[in-house]
Protein backbone atom coordinates (compact mmCIF):
# COMPACT_ATOMS: atom_id res chain seq x y z
CA MET A 1 112.50 -6.38 15.31
CA SER A 2 112.72 -5.75 19.30
CA ALA A 3 114.22 -7.37 22.23
CA LYS A 4 110.56 -7.66 23.33
CA HIS A 5 108.35 -8.00 20.41
CA PHE A 6 108.36 -9.31 16.87
CA VAL A 7 106.04 -6.38 15.42
CA ASN A 8 107.18 -3.39 17.17
CA ASP A 9 104.85 -0.86 15.34
CA PRO A 10 101.53 -0.97 17.53
CA THR A 11 99.27 0.10 14.31
CA LEU A 12 100.66 -2.48 12.05
CA LEU A 13 100.46 -4.98 14.81
CA LEU A 14 96.60 -4.05 15.34
CA ASN A 15 95.93 -3.86 11.93
CA THR A 16 96.81 -7.23 10.96
CA ALA A 17 95.96 -9.16 13.68
CA LEU A 18 92.62 -7.84 12.97
CA GLU A 19 93.27 -8.83 9.51
CA SER A 20 94.09 -12.36 10.88
CA LEU A 21 90.61 -12.62 11.96
CA THR A 22 88.94 -12.71 8.71
CA LEU A 23 91.60 -15.47 7.84
CA THR A 24 91.11 -17.87 10.41
CA ASN A 25 87.21 -17.47 10.39
CA PRO A 26 85.58 -17.10 6.88
CA SER A 27 82.16 -15.76 8.49
CA VAL A 28 83.50 -12.64 9.54
CA ALA A 29 84.43 -9.39 7.82
CA LEU A 30 86.72 -6.41 9.37
CA GLU A 31 85.79 -2.72 8.45
CA THR A 32 89.43 -1.59 8.59
CA ASP A 33 89.20 2.19 8.95
CA ASN A 34 86.92 1.94 12.41
CA LYS A 35 88.41 -1.52 13.33
CA ILE A 36 85.18 -3.08 13.50
CA VAL A 37 85.18 -6.71 13.27
CA TYR A 38 81.28 -8.10 12.29
CA ARG A 39 79.43 -11.21 10.84
CA ARG A 40 78.89 -11.45 7.29
CA PRO A 41 75.34 -11.18 6.34
CA GLY A 42 74.00 -14.66 5.38
CA ASN A 43 70.86 -16.36 5.14
CA GLU A 44 70.17 -16.75 8.75
CA GLN A 45 67.19 -15.20 10.47
CA SER A 46 67.63 -11.85 12.07
CA GLN A 47 68.42 -11.86 15.59
CA VAL A 48 69.36 -9.44 18.61
CA SER A 49 72.83 -8.38 17.77
CA ILE A 50 75.68 -8.27 20.24
CA VAL A 51 78.16 -5.64 20.23
CA SER A 52 81.43 -5.22 22.35
CA GLY A 53 84.70 -4.02 21.98
CA GLY A 54 87.57 -2.05 24.19
CA GLY A 55 90.99 -1.38 24.04
CA SER A 56 93.26 -3.72 22.14
CA GLY A 57 95.98 -6.14 23.88
CA HIS A 58 93.40 -8.41 25.39
CA GLU A 59 92.85 -10.99 22.66
CA PRO A 60 91.14 -13.01 21.80
CA SER A 61 88.75 -10.56 23.38
CA PHE A 62 86.92 -9.29 21.83
CA GLY A 63 87.54 -9.62 17.70
CA ALA A 64 88.14 -13.21 18.13
CA PHE A 65 84.76 -13.94 19.76
CA VAL A 66 82.70 -12.35 16.77
CA GLY A 67 80.91 -15.54 15.08
CA ALA A 68 77.61 -17.44 14.95
CA GLY A 69 76.55 -17.98 18.43
CA LEU A 70 78.80 -15.27 19.87
CA LEU A 71 79.58 -11.56 19.15
CA SER A 72 77.40 -10.00 16.29
CA GLY A 73 80.21 -7.08 16.12
CA ALA A 74 83.39 -5.81 18.13
CA VAL A 75 85.66 -2.58 18.05
CA ALA A 76 89.05 -2.48 18.74
CA GLY A 77 90.68 0.88 20.17
CA THR A 78 94.68 1.11 20.00
CA ILE A 79 96.29 -0.99 22.90
CA PHE A 80 94.71 -0.13 26.24
CA ALA A 81 92.73 2.21 24.74
CA SER A 82 89.02 2.84 24.32
CA PRO A 83 87.41 2.93 20.58
CA SER A 84 86.07 6.39 19.55
CA ALA A 85 82.28 6.55 19.90
CA GLU A 86 82.06 7.54 16.20
CA GLN A 87 83.72 3.98 15.71
CA ILE A 88 81.17 2.34 17.98
CA ARG A 89 78.31 4.40 16.62
CA LYS A 90 79.34 2.72 13.29
CA ALA A 91 79.34 -0.79 14.24
CA ILE A 92 75.75 -0.66 16.08
CA MET A 93 74.39 1.27 12.95
CA SER A 94 75.77 0.02 10.31
CA ARG A 95 77.51 -3.54 10.73
CA VAL A 96 75.44 -5.70 12.63
CA ASP A 97 71.80 -6.48 12.17
CA THR A 98 69.44 -4.08 14.17
CA ASN A 99 66.25 -5.93 13.20
CA LYS A 100 65.43 -7.61 16.63
CA GLY A 101 67.67 -4.88 18.77
CA VAL A 102 71.06 -4.45 19.73
CA LEU A 103 72.61 -5.52 23.04
CA VAL A 104 75.91 -3.44 23.66
CA THR A 105 77.98 -5.00 26.52
CA VAL A 106 81.37 -3.19 27.73
CA MET A 107 83.84 -3.78 30.29
CA ASN A 108 83.62 -1.22 33.37
CA TYR A 109 86.48 1.50 32.47
CA THR A 110 85.25 5.05 32.19
CA GLY A 111 86.69 5.72 28.71
CA ASP A 112 84.73 2.25 27.34
CA VAL A 113 81.67 3.33 29.18
CA LEU A 114 81.33 6.80 27.88
CA ASN A 115 82.33 6.13 24.51
CA PHE A 116 80.12 3.15 24.16
CA GLY A 117 77.39 5.14 26.11
CA MET A 118 77.60 7.94 23.56
CA ALA A 119 77.51 5.83 20.72
CA VAL A 120 74.35 3.91 22.57
CA GLU A 121 72.74 7.48 23.09
CA LYS A 122 73.25 8.21 19.51
CA ALA A 123 71.90 4.88 18.65
CA LYS A 124 68.38 5.64 20.40
CA ALA A 125 68.37 9.12 19.06
CA ALA A 126 68.09 7.61 15.60
CA GLY A 127 65.43 5.41 16.48
CA LEU A 128 67.17 2.03 17.14
CA GLU A 129 66.57 -0.31 20.19
CA VAL A 130 69.44 -0.71 21.94
CA GLU A 131 70.28 -1.65 25.37
CA MET A 132 73.90 -1.13 26.84
CA LEU A 133 75.41 -3.50 29.94
CA VAL A 134 78.59 -2.64 31.80
CA VAL A 135 80.06 -5.59 33.32
CA GLY A 136 82.31 -5.22 36.51
CA ASP A 137 83.37 -8.72 38.10
CA ASP A 138 86.78 -8.19 39.33
CA VAL A 139 87.34 -8.46 43.25
CA GLY A 140 90.91 -7.32 43.14
CA VAL A 141 89.79 -3.87 44.11
CA GLY A 142 87.58 -4.09 47.26
CA ARG A 143 84.47 -1.23 47.33
CA GLU A 144 86.31 1.07 49.69
CA ARG A 145 88.80 1.90 46.74
CA GLY A 146 86.28 1.14 43.92
CA GLY A 147 83.86 3.93 45.30
CA LYS A 148 81.63 4.96 43.03
CA VAL A 149 83.35 3.95 39.91
CA GLY A 150 82.82 0.12 40.90
CA ARG A 151 84.62 -3.22 40.25
CA ARG A 152 86.68 -3.62 36.87
CA GLY A 153 85.65 -5.46 34.03
CA ILE A 154 87.85 -8.64 33.47
CA ALA A 155 87.87 -11.94 32.21
CA GLY A 156 84.48 -13.25 33.38
CA THR A 157 83.07 -10.54 30.91
CA VAL A 158 83.52 -13.59 28.02
CA LEU A 159 80.79 -15.83 30.08
CA VAL A 160 78.42 -12.64 29.92
CA HIS A 161 79.03 -12.95 26.05
CA LYS A 162 78.90 -16.60 25.27
CA ILE A 163 75.57 -16.80 27.56
CA SER A 164 73.66 -13.75 25.76
CA GLY A 165 75.21 -14.70 22.52
CA ALA A 166 73.94 -18.21 22.67
CA LEU A 167 70.20 -17.05 23.79
CA ALA A 168 70.20 -14.35 20.95
CA ALA A 169 71.19 -17.19 18.37
CA GLN A 170 68.06 -19.13 19.66
CA GLY A 171 65.61 -16.23 18.92
CA ALA A 172 65.10 -14.51 22.32
CA THR A 173 64.03 -10.84 22.62
CA LEU A 174 66.25 -8.25 23.25
CA GLU A 175 64.37 -7.77 26.42
CA GLN A 176 65.38 -11.51 27.08
CA VAL A 177 68.93 -11.18 26.02
CA HIS A 178 69.45 -8.17 28.23
CA LYS A 179 67.64 -9.71 31.38
CA VAL A 180 69.94 -12.82 31.28
CA ALA A 181 72.76 -11.10 29.96
CA LYS A 182 72.49 -8.57 33.10
CA LEU A 183 71.62 -11.52 35.74
CA THR A 184 74.94 -13.57 34.42
CA ALA A 185 77.02 -10.25 34.88
CA GLU A 186 75.86 -9.57 38.68
CA ASN A 187 76.45 -13.71 39.20
CA ILE A 188 80.17 -13.84 38.54
CA VAL A 189 83.36 -12.92 40.52
CA SER A 190 86.90 -12.68 38.99
CA VAL A 191 90.25 -12.00 40.53
CA GLY A 192 93.79 -11.96 38.64
CA ALA A 193 97.61 -12.32 39.95
CA SER A 194 100.51 -11.58 37.81
CA LEU A 195 104.61 -12.01 37.84
CA GLU A 196 105.30 -8.92 36.13
CA HIS A 197 103.85 -5.98 34.29
CA VAL A 198 103.39 -6.45 30.81
CA HIS A 199 105.32 -3.97 28.09
CA VAL A 200 103.21 -2.35 25.08
CA PRO A 201 104.50 -2.40 21.98
CA GLY A 202 106.49 0.61 20.46
CA ARG A 203 107.22 2.02 23.93
CA ALA A 204 110.72 2.52 25.34
CA LEU A 205 112.11 -0.71 26.89
CA PRO A 206 111.56 -0.27 31.10
CA GLY A 207 114.82 -0.35 32.92
CA PRO A 208 115.72 -3.42 35.36
CA LYS A 209 114.84 -1.00 38.27
CA ALA A 210 111.24 0.71 36.35
CA PRO A 211 109.06 2.16 38.93
CA GLY A 212 106.10 -0.35 40.27
CA SER A 213 107.81 -3.19 38.36
CA LEU A 214 108.17 -6.59 40.89
CA ALA A 215 110.72 -8.13 42.08
CA VAL A 216 111.75 -11.67 40.69
CA ASP A 217 110.15 -13.89 43.66
CA GLU A 218 107.19 -11.21 43.84
CA VAL A 219 103.53 -11.89 42.51
CA GLU A 220 100.60 -8.97 42.44
CA VAL A 221 97.17 -10.07 43.68
CA GLY A 222 94.11 -8.04 41.99
CA MET A 223 96.49 -6.76 39.31
CA GLY A 224 94.21 -5.39 36.62
CA ILE A 225 94.51 -6.23 32.86
CA HIS A 226 96.27 -2.82 32.07
CA ASN A 227 98.89 -3.10 34.50
CA GLU A 228 96.74 -1.27 37.06
CA PRO A 229 97.75 -2.12 41.21
CA GLY A 230 95.88 -5.01 43.04
CA SER A 231 95.23 -5.34 46.45
CA GLY A 232 99.10 -6.15 47.34
CA ARG A 233 102.26 -8.22 46.50
CA ALA A 234 103.23 -10.95 48.19
CA LYS A 235 105.89 -13.50 48.07
CA VAL A 236 104.10 -17.21 48.09
CA GLU A 237 104.15 -20.42 46.29
CA LEU A 238 101.17 -21.08 44.29
CA PRO A 239 99.02 -23.08 46.77
CA GLU A 240 99.22 -19.98 49.10
CA LEU A 241 98.54 -17.57 46.05
CA VAL A 242 95.41 -19.35 45.13
CA SER A 243 94.15 -19.69 48.80
CA THR A 244 94.21 -15.70 49.09
CA MET A 245 92.64 -15.52 45.30
CA MET A 246 89.95 -17.64 46.75
CA SER A 247 89.32 -16.14 49.90
CA GLN A 248 88.66 -12.45 47.97
CA LEU A 249 85.92 -14.65 45.76
CA LEU A 250 84.37 -16.38 48.11
CA ASP A 251 84.87 -15.34 52.05
CA LYS A 252 81.48 -13.96 53.21
CA ASN A 253 83.02 -12.29 56.10
CA ASP A 254 85.15 -10.03 53.94
CA THR A 255 82.78 -7.17 53.37
CA ASP A 256 84.86 -5.13 51.13
CA ARG A 257 85.04 -7.82 48.48
CA ALA A 258 81.86 -10.08 49.41
CA PHE A 259 79.96 -9.36 46.29
CA LEU A 260 78.04 -13.08 45.44
CA ASN A 261 76.72 -15.14 47.23
CA VAL A 262 77.15 -18.83 45.96
CA ASN A 263 73.59 -20.09 46.87
CA SER A 264 73.21 -22.54 43.65
CA ASN A 265 74.14 -26.03 43.40
CA GLU A 266 75.88 -25.16 40.12
CA VAL A 267 78.80 -23.29 39.72
CA VAL A 268 81.32 -22.56 36.53
CA LEU A 269 85.07 -21.89 36.69
CA LEU A 270 87.15 -20.08 34.26
CA VAL A 271 90.58 -20.21 34.64
CA ASN A 272 91.94 -17.75 32.08
CA ASN A 273 95.67 -17.19 30.83
CA LEU A 274 97.05 -13.43 30.76
CA GLY A 275 98.89 -14.33 27.85
CA GLY A 276 102.58 -15.22 28.94
CA VAL A 277 101.54 -18.39 30.91
CA SER A 278 102.67 -21.93 29.52
CA VAL A 279 99.73 -24.18 28.77
CA LEU A 280 101.61 -26.59 30.90
CA GLU A 281 102.14 -24.39 33.80
CA LEU A 282 98.21 -23.25 33.35
CA GLY A 283 97.17 -26.81 33.77
CA GLY A 284 99.15 -27.21 36.91
CA ILE A 285 97.30 -23.93 38.07
CA THR A 286 93.95 -25.24 37.11
CA THR A 287 93.93 -28.34 39.00
CA GLU A 288 95.09 -26.38 41.93
CA VAL A 289 92.51 -23.86 41.74
CA VAL A 290 89.74 -27.03 41.50
CA LYS A 291 91.31 -28.64 44.41
CA GLN A 292 91.09 -25.76 46.28
CA LEU A 293 87.19 -24.80 45.65
CA GLY A 294 86.42 -28.07 46.79
CA GLN A 295 87.54 -27.42 50.42
CA TRP A 296 84.91 -24.35 49.98
CA GLY A 297 82.46 -26.80 49.15
CA ILE A 298 82.39 -26.22 45.47
CA GLN A 299 82.17 -28.71 43.02
CA PRO A 300 82.35 -26.91 39.35
CA VAL A 301 79.76 -28.12 36.83
CA ARG A 302 81.69 -26.77 34.15
CA ILE A 303 85.39 -25.99 34.16
CA LEU A 304 86.60 -23.95 31.26
CA SER A 305 90.67 -23.14 31.29
CA GLY A 306 92.40 -21.27 28.33
CA THR A 307 93.16 -18.27 26.73
CA TYR A 308 89.99 -15.61 27.10
CA MET A 309 91.00 -12.70 27.71
CA THR A 310 94.58 -11.37 28.19
CA SER A 311 96.89 -8.33 28.96
CA LEU A 312 99.10 -8.90 26.08
CA ASN A 313 101.69 -11.37 27.09
CA GLY A 314 101.09 -10.73 31.07
CA LEU A 315 102.80 -13.67 33.24
CA GLY A 316 99.82 -14.15 35.15
CA PHE A 317 96.16 -15.90 35.43
CA SER A 318 92.96 -14.90 36.48
CA ILE A 319 89.88 -17.15 38.24
CA SER A 320 86.16 -16.58 37.37
CA LEU A 321 83.08 -17.89 39.19
CA LEU A 322 79.83 -17.80 37.61
CA ASN A 323 77.06 -18.46 40.01
CA VAL A 324 74.53 -20.57 37.78
CA VAL A 325 71.10 -19.08 38.65
CA ASN A 326 67.47 -19.47 37.16
CA THR A 327 66.90 -17.19 34.17
CA ASP A 328 63.00 -17.04 34.91
CA ILE A 329 62.57 -16.35 30.99
CA GLY A 330 61.28 -19.86 30.34
CA GLY A 331 63.89 -21.28 27.73
CA PRO A 332 67.39 -22.77 27.96
CA SER A 333 69.56 -22.69 31.42
CA MET A 334 72.77 -20.53 31.72
CA ILE A 335 74.57 -24.20 31.71
CA GLN A 336 72.55 -24.79 28.16
CA LEU A 337 73.76 -21.84 26.90
CA LEU A 338 77.12 -22.01 27.81
CA ASP A 339 77.23 -25.39 26.06
CA TYR A 340 75.44 -24.30 23.15
CA PRO A 341 77.61 -24.40 19.99
CA CYS A 342 79.21 -21.27 18.66
CA GLU A 343 81.51 -20.66 15.65
CA ALA A 344 84.33 -18.12 17.17
CA THR A 345 88.13 -18.79 17.18
CA GLY A 346 88.40 -17.21 20.53
CA TRP A 347 86.12 -19.74 21.91
CA THR A 348 88.37 -22.19 20.62
CA ALA A 349 85.39 -23.94 18.85
CA PRO A 350 86.02 -25.46 15.45
CA ILE A 351 84.73 -23.44 12.66
CA SER A 352 82.26 -26.41 11.13
CA LYS A 353 82.77 -27.71 7.55
CA ASN A 354 79.78 -26.30 5.91
CA THR A 355 81.45 -22.47 7.24
CA TRP A 356 84.48 -23.09 5.41
CA GLU A 357 82.78 -24.85 1.93
CA VAL A 358 80.02 -21.72 1.71
CA LYS A 359 82.87 -19.18 0.76
CA ASN A 360 81.00 -16.49 2.13
CA THR A 361 82.00 -12.88 0.73
CA ASN A 362 79.30 -10.54 2.02
CA THR A 363 80.13 -7.59 3.39
CA ARG A 364 77.70 -4.86 5.31
CA GLU A 365 78.16 -1.31 3.41
CA ASP A 366 77.74 2.02 5.13
CA THR A 367 73.66 2.69 5.13
CA ALA A 368 72.07 3.55 8.61
CA ALA A 369 75.28 5.16 9.84
CA ALA A 370 75.91 7.26 6.77
CA ASP A 371 72.66 8.56 7.02
CA GLU A 372 72.53 11.54 9.51
CA SER A 373 69.30 13.02 8.79
CA VAL A 374 67.01 13.71 11.55
CA LYS A 375 63.29 12.87 11.07
CA PRO A 376 60.44 15.26 12.09
CA SER A 377 59.04 14.66 15.81
CA GLY A 378 56.02 17.22 15.40
CA LEU A 379 57.17 18.86 18.80
CA LYS A 380 56.80 22.27 18.10
CA ILE A 381 58.64 25.06 19.39
CA ASP A 382 58.78 28.81 18.95
CA ALA A 383 62.36 28.78 16.36
CA SER A 384 63.11 32.57 17.25
CA ALA A 385 62.66 32.26 20.88
CA PHE A 386 64.60 28.84 21.13
CA THR A 387 67.55 30.69 19.10
CA LYS A 388 67.45 33.82 21.26
CA SER A 389 67.49 31.76 24.56
CA LEU A 390 70.06 29.55 23.69
CA THR A 391 72.19 32.11 22.56
CA SER A 392 71.66 33.89 25.78
CA GLY A 393 72.50 31.11 27.76
CA LEU A 394 75.74 30.76 25.49
CA GLU A 395 76.89 34.05 25.70
CA ALA A 396 76.43 33.91 29.46
CA LEU A 397 78.75 30.53 29.61
CA VAL A 398 81.73 32.53 27.46
CA GLU A 399 81.77 35.31 29.56
CA ALA A 400 81.78 33.02 32.69
CA GLU A 401 85.13 31.39 31.31
CA PRO A 402 87.32 33.49 33.39
CA GLU A 403 85.70 32.80 36.82
CA VAL A 404 84.98 28.84 35.85
CA THR A 405 89.02 28.70 35.22
CA ARG A 406 90.29 30.32 38.18
CA TYR A 407 87.73 27.96 40.36
CA ASP A 408 89.28 24.85 37.96
CA THR A 409 92.74 26.11 38.58
CA VAL A 410 92.34 26.21 42.49
CA VAL A 411 90.56 22.56 42.57
CA GLY A 412 91.41 20.96 39.25
CA ASP A 413 93.75 21.24 35.92
CA GLY A 414 92.50 24.65 34.82
CA ASP A 415 91.13 23.52 31.78
CA CYS A 416 87.40 23.22 32.60
CA GLY A 417 86.52 26.87 31.54
CA ILE A 418 88.34 26.71 27.93
CA GLY A 419 86.40 23.43 27.49
CA LEU A 420 83.30 24.80 28.57
CA LYS A 421 83.77 28.45 26.29
CA ARG A 422 85.25 25.93 23.23
CA GLY A 423 81.72 24.34 22.97
CA ALA A 424 79.68 27.11 23.60
CA GLU A 425 81.41 29.33 21.10
CA ALA A 426 81.30 26.48 18.32
CA VAL A 427 77.27 26.24 19.30
CA LEU A 428 76.78 30.10 18.72
CA LYS A 429 78.47 29.76 15.61
CA HIS A 430 76.53 26.95 14.56
CA LEU A 431 73.02 28.95 15.44
CA LYS A 432 74.14 31.99 13.40
CA GLU A 433 75.01 29.82 10.32
CA THR A 434 71.73 27.49 10.83
CA LYS A 435 68.25 28.44 11.28
CA ALA A 436 66.08 26.67 13.67
CA THR A 437 63.43 24.69 11.93
CA GLY A 438 61.01 25.05 15.00
CA ASP A 439 60.99 20.89 15.34
CA ALA A 440 62.44 20.48 18.77
CA VAL A 441 64.07 16.87 17.94
CA ILE A 442 65.43 18.36 14.81
CA ASP A 443 66.76 21.38 16.51
CA VAL A 444 68.67 19.65 19.39
CA ALA A 445 69.53 16.75 17.10
CA GLN A 446 71.48 19.25 15.39
CA ILE A 447 73.96 20.59 17.95
CA VAL A 448 74.75 17.38 18.99
CA PRO A 449 77.35 16.80 16.62
CA VAL A 450 78.52 20.24 17.12
CA ILE A 451 79.69 19.29 20.70
CA GLU A 452 81.02 16.19 19.78
CA THR A 453 83.46 17.61 17.34
CA ALA A 454 84.35 20.70 19.79
CA MET A 455 84.54 19.45 23.24
CA ASP A 456 86.73 16.18 24.15
CA GLY A 457 87.57 14.58 27.42
CA THR A 458 85.45 13.39 29.91
CA SER A 459 82.94 16.41 30.19
CA GLY A 460 82.59 16.41 26.36
CA ALA A 461 81.51 12.88 26.67
CA LEU A 462 79.12 13.52 29.50
CA PHE A 463 77.37 16.33 27.58
CA ALA A 464 77.46 14.28 23.92
CA ILE A 465 75.73 11.57 26.15
CA PHE A 466 73.04 13.97 27.60
CA LEU A 467 72.20 15.42 24.59
CA ASN A 468 71.93 12.57 22.24
CA ALA A 469 69.58 11.20 25.28
CA LEU A 470 67.74 14.43 24.91
CA VAL A 471 67.00 14.22 21.20
CA HIS A 472 65.40 10.36 21.95
CA SER A 473 63.80 11.71 25.27
CA LEU A 474 61.98 14.62 23.05
CA ARG A 475 60.89 12.44 20.34
CA VAL A 476 59.14 10.50 22.98
CA PHE A 477 57.29 13.51 24.20
CA GLY A 478 56.30 14.51 20.66
CA PRO A 479 54.09 15.38 18.61
CA GLY A 480 52.49 18.76 20.18
CA GLU A 481 53.83 21.68 22.02
CA ALA A 482 57.34 21.61 23.93
CA THR A 483 56.08 23.51 27.01
CA PRO A 484 58.32 23.49 30.26
CA GLN A 485 56.84 20.40 31.68
CA VAL A 486 57.71 18.59 28.28
CA TRP A 487 61.15 20.19 28.33
CA ALA A 488 61.40 19.17 32.40
CA GLY A 489 60.36 15.55 31.40
CA ALA A 490 62.79 14.97 28.44
CA LEU A 491 65.63 16.40 30.88
CA LYS A 492 64.67 13.83 33.37
CA GLN A 493 65.04 11.24 30.94
CA SER A 494 68.32 12.32 29.95
CA CYS A 495 69.25 12.73 33.40
CA ASP A 496 68.35 9.23 34.41
CA ALA A 497 70.29 8.12 30.78
CA LEU A 498 73.19 9.96 31.74
CA SER A 499 73.38 8.38 35.84
CA ARG A 500 73.57 4.82 33.31
CA TYR A 501 77.25 5.99 32.29
CA THR A 502 78.46 7.83 35.47
CA PRO A 503 78.02 7.46 38.99
CA ALA A 504 77.99 11.29 39.68
CA ARG A 505 75.04 12.16 41.36
CA PRO A 506 74.08 15.46 43.50
CA GLY A 507 76.74 15.84 46.77
CA ASP A 508 79.51 14.13 44.60
CA ARG A 509 80.64 17.96 43.57
CA THR A 510 80.17 17.39 39.91
CA ILE A 511 78.48 19.26 36.93
CA VAL A 512 75.34 17.06 37.95
CA ASP A 513 74.98 19.20 41.52
CA ALA A 514 73.55 22.27 38.86
CA LEU A 515 71.83 20.00 36.93
CA TYR A 516 69.37 17.85 38.82
CA PRO A 517 67.83 21.05 40.73
CA PHE A 518 67.12 22.82 37.30
CA VAL A 519 65.34 19.93 36.13
CA GLU A 520 63.52 19.01 39.49
CA VAL A 521 62.36 22.97 39.84
CA LEU A 522 61.54 23.16 36.08
CA GLY A 523 59.11 19.76 36.37
CA LYS A 524 57.54 21.05 39.72
CA SER A 525 57.25 24.60 38.73
CA GLY A 526 57.36 25.19 34.80
CA ASP A 527 59.10 28.31 35.36
CA ILE A 528 62.81 28.38 33.83
CA LYS A 529 63.89 31.32 36.28
CA LYS A 530 63.22 29.32 39.50
CA ALA A 531 65.00 26.80 37.83
CA ALA A 532 67.78 28.50 37.03
CA GLN A 533 67.81 30.09 40.73
CA ALA A 534 67.89 26.73 42.15
CA ALA A 535 70.99 25.62 39.77
CA LYS A 536 72.93 28.44 41.13
CA ASP A 537 72.04 27.88 44.60
CA ALA A 538 73.13 24.27 44.24
CA ALA A 539 76.51 25.17 42.31
CA ASP A 540 77.33 27.92 44.83
CA GLY A 541 76.46 24.96 47.81
CA THR A 542 79.74 22.96 46.55
CA LYS A 543 81.94 25.12 48.36
CA GLY A 544 83.27 23.13 51.12
CA MET A 545 81.83 19.66 49.23
CA LYS A 546 84.72 17.31 49.15
CA ALA A 547 84.90 15.66 45.71
CA SER A 548 84.03 12.19 45.06
CA LEU A 549 84.73 12.10 41.27
CA GLY A 550 86.94 13.41 39.12
CA ARG A 551 90.13 15.00 39.13
CA ALA A 552 89.47 17.10 42.30
CA VAL A 553 89.80 14.03 44.12
CA TYR A 554 93.45 13.77 43.71
CA VAL A 555 93.84 17.66 44.61
CA GLY A 556 95.21 18.31 48.27
CA GLY A 557 94.52 21.37 49.89
CA THR A 558 91.61 23.21 51.32
CA GLY A 559 90.53 24.95 47.87
CA PHE A 560 87.15 22.99 47.83
CA GLU A 561 86.30 24.98 50.94
CA GLU A 562 86.98 28.33 48.95
CA VAL A 563 85.63 27.55 45.63
CA PRO A 564 82.74 26.15 44.06
CA ASP A 565 82.66 23.21 41.63
CA PRO A 566 83.88 25.10 38.43
CA GLY A 567 81.96 22.67 36.02
CA ALA A 568 78.47 23.11 38.18
CA TRP A 569 79.23 26.75 38.35
CA GLY A 570 79.77 27.24 34.73
CA LEU A 571 76.29 25.01 33.73
CA ALA A 572 74.87 27.42 36.34
CA CYS A 573 75.72 30.47 34.55
CA PHE A 574 74.36 28.98 31.45
CA PHE A 575 71.16 28.21 32.76
CA ASN A 576 70.59 31.72 34.14
CA GLY A 577 71.56 33.10 30.76
CA LEU A 578 69.04 31.00 29.27
CA ALA A 579 66.41 32.40 31.74
CA GLY A 580 67.47 35.57 30.87
CA LEU A 581 68.69 36.26 34.21
CA LYS A 582 72.75 37.43 35.06
CA PRO A 583 74.73 37.35 37.76
CA GLU A 584 75.08 40.08 39.93
CA GLU A 585 77.34 40.69 43.45
CA GLU A 586 74.67 40.30 45.60
CA GLY A 587 72.62 37.74 43.84
CA TRP A 588 71.18 36.86 40.34
CA GLU A 589 68.75 39.60 38.93
CA ALA A 590 66.43 39.71 36.27
CA VAL A 591 67.96 41.55 33.18
């Protein structure tokens, strides 16, 4: 036992904590290998399932919110780290009821968005009806610092879960549940404050003057739930601290943080314990918050005070405000949904006598998730030409690796070329070992797991999301012939899908600078060579373009003026190889 924790082994801690959820609520089960908590199947009618999750350390979010009237399933990563896309895929496809569709709700952190997004696209490609919602409610980081990434997701997310879970339990459609969940998320603002950074079990204990630590009389306003910095530090008493937080939440003149216009007579207040504040002290904080809300002319219609989303044993709290608006679905209001009964221990709701006495021991077995077969689409391609063209593109990408690596050494961390080459070589090996079928959906779908296995990091996740979306889009266009216009239409839909998981757009100096022009010109002309040339021109045009996203944002110097974006250039090389073109010193000429 360490001086900081009763259980110092993070793996043992996580596994036993997840097991405890099945002990305190007999209506939930645990799939241990993939750390999935889910509702046991019973005699209840099918409903829209709601799946969430994220890194552990935020308990009771998310596993303890699984239960009747709330979440259908939750996926746990290691402490402060996203679960993998495969964990999430199995949760969606085999651990919850999919008959009425699935809503996947995730907080706005890059790893979570990409991994949950990849799983969602795989589920869609398999034919399931799935929607995804990203929640960002934190105003601790304003518009300027947040940039294209946007606001972080913190405790206000649990209000989205509660309201959407109640609506799903009452038989609403996936479209209705998604709409109301999105509306709820758009009307929430939150901000936190903490007196100290937290310590993660299993890590070395910090010294008395560890980098970033706060002084004994300091508080950090806007600290994130993973120890991320907020808007600043101060030496203040509680009333002044709450006043600062209220201004960040409600001051319409603060253009950097005026995310919410409170235009409703009904406002819900959530005062959340980050894990280390005593119940006594949280009561004092709640009273101060309610008093100051009155000074802003707000009398909350509901006040929730307790432990909903923690940062381990964080010595802090957060304030969330929900502006209650009309849902326009002809059903229950947001307040009625918030009041709707649920059986989830994290909501501090009692488990009913009937649930205890039914002694439900049912579990869900691997069925849909285990079935990796892809059904034919009838969208026909020339199998030989497909293999030859794709091989040409991949070989061009492998050949371009030294150049891409050189570019990335100037403006990044030097691994872009190797990552692209690794993925290309894996697909080339697959093409040699697996004969194309002539069905576009099947042949593209067979490549997806190769990419997911061979490529890691952010770029690997982006490629996997795009290709999963492409499988789904191609199926929509079948049956028939896969003409260039069909490919362009499917690729456009895949770009739209990708844009839901990354803020990257042309002009941000990323791989999409080459992707979007290729798709656009292919759609207009039906000529793959013209599309490839457009991709090359756009990639070349990233020289001198300052990066808005990715590691290049943090790399100093003038290197960006001298070389194109490595990822965009690599993709342009692939497209030109695909089209049967090759780079020459004075441009791209036909082979």
